[in-house]
Amino acid sequence: MRLNAKSVSDMYVYIEALHCGSITRFMSHSCDPNVKFVEMQNGKDVKVLARMTKTVKPGKQLTVNYGDEIWFKCACDSCWVDPGDEEE
């Protein structure tokens, strides 16, 4: 996730789930997510929050789009292209 808050350098935000974070660190990827990460800046501090973008019934999984800017390549049916199916 790219840091959108004002910065003197081109920075990325990482959530290090091993050492910190909340239950949100367990959210799975979806190309049709019901949550998105947003930033809240208070002075020099920047918090990354999870904001629901759709109504979610109790017991339903919360999902977020990981994006593909750095390390993630989605392999769901709607994103996956079989190399044999590509047009030349």
N, C-alpha and C. Protein backbone atom coordinates (compact mmCIF):
# COMPACT_ATOMS: atom_id res chain seq x y z
N MET A 1 0.86 -1.17 0.00
CA MET A 1 0.00 0.00 0.00
C MET A 1 0.90 1.22 0.00
N ARG A 2 0.69 2.10 -0.92
CA ARG A 2 1.50 3.31 -0.99
C ARG A 2 0.97 4.33 0.01
N LEU A 3 1.91 4.98 0.71
CA LEU A 3 1.56 6.01 1.68
C LEU A 3 1.12 7.26 0.94
N ASN A 4 -0.11 7.72 1.19
CA ASN A 4 -0.63 8.89 0.51
C ASN A 4 -0.46 10.17 1.31
N ALA A 5 -0.17 10.05 2.60
CA ALA A 5 0.02 11.23 3.43
C ALA A 5 1.24 12.01 2.94
N LYS A 6 1.29 13.31 3.24
CA LYS A 6 2.42 14.13 2.80
C LYS A 6 3.72 13.56 3.36
N SER A 7 4.71 13.47 2.51
CA SER A 7 5.99 12.89 2.90
C SER A 7 7.10 13.55 2.10
N VAL A 8 8.29 13.56 2.66
CA VAL A 8 9.43 14.13 1.94
C VAL A 8 10.07 13.09 1.02
N SER A 9 9.68 11.85 1.15
CA SER A 9 10.23 10.81 0.28
C SER A 9 9.11 9.93 -0.25
N ASP A 10 9.43 9.14 -1.25
CA ASP A 10 8.46 8.21 -1.83
C ASP A 10 8.44 6.97 -0.95
N MET A 11 7.40 6.82 -0.12
CA MET A 11 7.38 5.76 0.89
C MET A 11 6.25 4.78 0.65
N TYR A 12 6.42 3.59 1.18
CA TYR A 12 5.37 2.59 1.22
C TYR A 12 5.03 2.30 2.68
N VAL A 13 3.80 1.89 2.92
CA VAL A 13 3.39 1.50 4.25
C VAL A 13 3.28 -0.01 4.26
N TYR A 14 3.86 -0.63 5.25
CA TYR A 14 3.75 -2.08 5.42
C TYR A 14 3.16 -2.35 6.79
N ILE A 15 2.29 -3.32 6.87
CA ILE A 15 1.76 -3.75 8.16
C ILE A 15 2.50 -5.03 8.50
N GLU A 16 3.36 -4.96 9.48
CA GLU A 16 4.16 -6.11 9.90
C GLU A 16 3.34 -6.93 10.88
N ALA A 17 2.68 -7.95 10.38
CA ALA A 17 1.73 -8.72 11.18
C ALA A 17 2.40 -9.54 12.28
N LEU A 18 3.68 -9.82 12.15
CA LEU A 18 4.36 -10.61 13.17
C LEU A 18 4.53 -9.83 14.47
N HIS A 19 4.76 -8.53 14.36
CA HIS A 19 5.07 -7.72 15.53
C HIS A 19 3.96 -6.78 15.97
N CYS A 20 3.06 -6.44 15.09
CA CYS A 20 2.00 -5.51 15.47
C CYS A 20 0.79 -5.73 14.58
N GLY A 21 -0.24 -4.99 14.83
CA GLY A 21 -1.44 -5.11 14.02
C GLY A 21 -2.59 -5.63 14.84
N SER A 22 -3.73 -5.61 14.25
CA SER A 22 -4.94 -6.07 14.91
C SER A 22 -5.50 -7.25 14.11
N ILE A 23 -6.72 -7.57 14.37
CA ILE A 23 -7.38 -8.67 13.66
C ILE A 23 -7.43 -8.40 12.15
N THR A 24 -7.31 -7.14 11.74
CA THR A 24 -7.34 -6.79 10.32
C THR A 24 -6.19 -7.41 9.54
N ARG A 25 -5.14 -7.82 10.22
CA ARG A 25 -4.00 -8.42 9.52
C ARG A 25 -4.35 -9.78 8.92
N PHE A 26 -5.49 -10.33 9.29
CA PHE A 26 -5.90 -11.63 8.78
C PHE A 26 -6.89 -11.52 7.60
N MET A 27 -7.14 -10.31 7.11
CA MET A 27 -8.06 -10.15 5.99
C MET A 27 -7.48 -10.75 4.71
N SER A 28 -8.31 -11.45 3.99
CA SER A 28 -7.91 -12.09 2.73
C SER A 28 -8.11 -11.14 1.56
N HIS A 29 -7.46 -11.45 0.44
CA HIS A 29 -7.60 -10.67 -0.79
C HIS A 29 -8.89 -11.03 -1.52
N SER A 30 -9.46 -10.05 -2.18
CA SER A 30 -10.56 -10.25 -3.12
C SER A 30 -10.47 -9.17 -4.18
N CYS A 31 -10.81 -9.51 -5.41
CA CYS A 31 -10.88 -8.50 -6.47
C CYS A 31 -12.17 -7.70 -6.36
N ASP A 32 -13.10 -8.19 -5.55
CA ASP A 32 -14.35 -7.50 -5.27
C ASP A 32 -14.47 -7.37 -3.74
N PRO A 33 -13.59 -6.55 -3.12
CA PRO A 33 -13.51 -6.49 -1.67
C PRO A 33 -14.69 -5.76 -1.03
N ASN A 34 -14.87 -5.99 0.27
CA ASN A 34 -15.90 -5.27 1.02
C ASN A 34 -15.27 -4.32 2.04
N VAL A 35 -13.95 -4.22 2.03
CA VAL A 35 -13.20 -3.33 2.92
C VAL A 35 -12.08 -2.69 2.12
N LYS A 36 -11.70 -1.47 2.48
CA LYS A 36 -10.50 -0.88 1.88
C LYS A 36 -9.68 -0.23 2.99
N PHE A 37 -8.38 -0.17 2.78
CA PHE A 37 -7.51 0.49 3.73
C PHE A 37 -7.51 1.98 3.44
N VAL A 38 -7.62 2.79 4.48
CA VAL A 38 -7.55 4.24 4.35
C VAL A 38 -6.56 4.75 5.39
N GLU A 39 -6.02 5.91 5.14
CA GLU A 39 -5.06 6.52 6.05
C GLU A 39 -5.71 7.65 6.82
N MET A 40 -5.32 7.79 8.06
CA MET A 40 -5.77 8.90 8.89
C MET A 40 -4.51 9.52 9.48
N GLN A 41 -4.29 10.79 9.18
CA GLN A 41 -3.09 11.45 9.66
C GLN A 41 -3.44 12.40 10.79
N ASN A 42 -2.65 12.34 11.86
CA ASN A 42 -2.81 13.22 13.01
C ASN A 42 -1.43 13.74 13.36
N GLY A 43 -1.13 14.94 12.90
CA GLY A 43 0.22 15.47 13.08
C GLY A 43 1.20 14.64 12.27
N LYS A 44 2.21 14.11 12.94
CA LYS A 44 3.22 13.29 12.26
C LYS A 44 2.82 11.82 12.19
N ASP A 45 1.82 11.42 12.94
CA ASP A 45 1.40 10.02 12.97
C ASP A 45 0.41 9.71 11.86
N VAL A 46 0.59 8.56 11.24
CA VAL A 46 -0.34 8.08 10.22
C VAL A 46 -0.83 6.71 10.66
N LYS A 47 -2.14 6.56 10.73
CA LYS A 47 -2.77 5.28 11.08
C LYS A 47 -3.41 4.71 9.84
N VAL A 48 -3.31 3.41 9.66
CA VAL A 48 -3.98 2.73 8.56
C VAL A 48 -5.21 2.06 9.14
N LEU A 49 -6.37 2.43 8.61
CA LEU A 49 -7.65 1.92 9.11
C LEU A 49 -8.31 1.05 8.05
N ALA A 50 -9.16 0.14 8.49
CA ALA A 50 -9.96 -0.68 7.58
C ALA A 50 -11.36 -0.09 7.56
N ARG A 51 -11.84 0.29 6.37
CA ARG A 51 -13.15 0.91 6.22
C ARG A 51 -14.03 0.01 5.37
N MET A 52 -15.22 -0.31 5.87
CA MET A 52 -16.15 -1.14 5.10
C MET A 52 -16.71 -0.34 3.94
N THR A 53 -16.74 -0.95 2.77
CA THR A 53 -17.25 -0.28 1.57
C THR A 53 -18.58 -0.87 1.12
N LYS A 54 -18.98 -1.97 1.76
CA LYS A 54 -20.25 -2.64 1.45
C LYS A 54 -20.87 -3.10 2.76
N THR A 55 -22.16 -3.35 2.72
CA THR A 55 -22.82 -3.94 3.87
C THR A 55 -22.38 -5.40 4.00
N VAL A 56 -21.98 -5.78 5.19
CA VAL A 56 -21.48 -7.13 5.43
C VAL A 56 -22.32 -7.77 6.53
N LYS A 57 -22.88 -8.92 6.22
CA LYS A 57 -23.69 -9.64 7.20
C LYS A 57 -22.78 -10.30 8.24
N PRO A 58 -23.28 -10.46 9.47
CA PRO A 58 -22.48 -11.13 10.51
C PRO A 58 -22.02 -12.51 10.04
N GLY A 59 -20.77 -12.81 10.29
CA GLY A 59 -20.20 -14.09 9.91
C GLY A 59 -19.56 -14.12 8.54
N LYS A 60 -19.82 -13.09 7.71
CA LYS A 60 -19.22 -13.04 6.38
C LYS A 60 -17.77 -12.56 6.48
N GLN A 61 -16.92 -13.10 5.62
CA GLN A 61 -15.51 -12.75 5.64
C GLN A 61 -15.29 -11.33 5.16
N LEU A 62 -14.40 -10.60 5.84
CA LEU A 62 -13.98 -9.28 5.40
C LEU A 62 -12.80 -9.47 4.46
N THR A 63 -12.85 -8.80 3.30
CA THR A 63 -11.78 -8.93 2.31
C THR A 63 -11.33 -7.56 1.85
N VAL A 64 -10.11 -7.50 1.37
CA VAL A 64 -9.52 -6.26 0.89
C VAL A 64 -8.72 -6.58 -0.38
N ASN A 65 -8.61 -5.60 -1.27
CA ASN A 65 -7.80 -5.80 -2.47
C ASN A 65 -6.36 -5.48 -2.13
N TYR A 66 -5.49 -6.48 -2.20
CA TYR A 66 -4.08 -6.27 -1.87
C TYR A 66 -3.38 -5.37 -2.88
N GLY A 67 -3.91 -5.28 -4.09
CA GLY A 67 -3.26 -4.51 -5.13
C GLY A 67 -2.10 -5.29 -5.72
N ASP A 68 -1.50 -4.75 -6.77
CA ASP A 68 -0.38 -5.45 -7.39
C ASP A 68 0.83 -4.54 -7.54
N GLU A 69 0.87 -3.47 -6.75
CA GLU A 69 1.96 -2.50 -6.88
C GLU A 69 3.32 -3.07 -6.53
N ILE A 70 3.37 -3.98 -5.56
CA ILE A 70 4.67 -4.41 -5.06
C ILE A 70 4.90 -5.90 -5.21
N TRP A 71 4.05 -6.72 -4.64
CA TRP A 71 4.38 -8.14 -4.51
C TRP A 71 3.26 -9.10 -4.82
N PHE A 72 2.09 -8.61 -5.11
CA PHE A 72 0.95 -9.52 -5.20
C PHE A 72 0.43 -9.62 -6.62
N LYS A 73 0.22 -10.85 -7.10
CA LYS A 73 -0.40 -11.10 -8.40
C LYS A 73 -1.61 -11.98 -8.16
N CYS A 74 -2.79 -11.45 -8.40
CA CYS A 74 -4.03 -12.19 -8.15
C CYS A 74 -4.17 -13.33 -9.16
N ALA A 75 -4.67 -14.46 -8.69
CA ALA A 75 -4.86 -15.62 -9.55
C ALA A 75 -6.31 -16.09 -9.54
N CYS A 76 -7.25 -15.19 -9.23
CA CYS A 76 -8.66 -15.59 -9.26
C CYS A 76 -9.11 -15.76 -10.71
N ASP A 77 -10.27 -16.37 -10.90
CA ASP A 77 -10.76 -16.65 -12.25
C ASP A 77 -10.89 -15.40 -13.11
N SER A 78 -11.30 -14.27 -12.51
CA SER A 78 -11.50 -13.07 -13.32
C SER A 78 -10.19 -12.38 -13.67
N CYS A 79 -9.12 -12.64 -12.93
CA CYS A 79 -7.82 -12.01 -13.20
C CYS A 79 -6.85 -12.92 -13.94
N TRP A 80 -7.01 -14.22 -13.78
CA TRP A 80 -6.06 -15.17 -14.34
C TRP A 80 -6.23 -15.27 -15.85
N VAL A 81 -5.13 -15.20 -16.55
CA VAL A 81 -5.11 -15.40 -18.00
C VAL A 81 -4.19 -16.58 -18.26
N ASP A 82 -4.73 -17.62 -18.84
CA ASP A 82 -3.92 -18.78 -19.21
C ASP A 82 -3.02 -18.36 -20.37
N PRO A 83 -1.70 -18.56 -20.25
CA PRO A 83 -0.80 -18.15 -21.33
C PRO A 83 -1.20 -18.69 -22.70
N GLY A 84 -1.85 -19.85 -22.75
CA GLY A 84 -2.30 -20.41 -24.02
C GLY A 84 -3.49 -19.68 -24.61
N ASP A 85 -4.20 -18.89 -23.77
CA ASP A 85 -5.38 -18.17 -24.22
C ASP A 85 -5.08 -16.76 -24.70
N GLU A 86 -3.86 -16.27 -24.47
CA GLU A 86 -3.51 -14.90 -24.86
C GLU A 86 -3.45 -14.78 -26.37
N GLU A 87 -3.94 -13.64 -26.87
CA GLU A 87 -3.84 -13.38 -28.30
C GLU A 87 -2.46 -12.86 -28.62
N GLU A 88 -1.93 -13.25 -29.75
CA GLU A 88 -0.59 -12.79 -30.13
C GLU A 88 -0.68 -11.61 -31.04
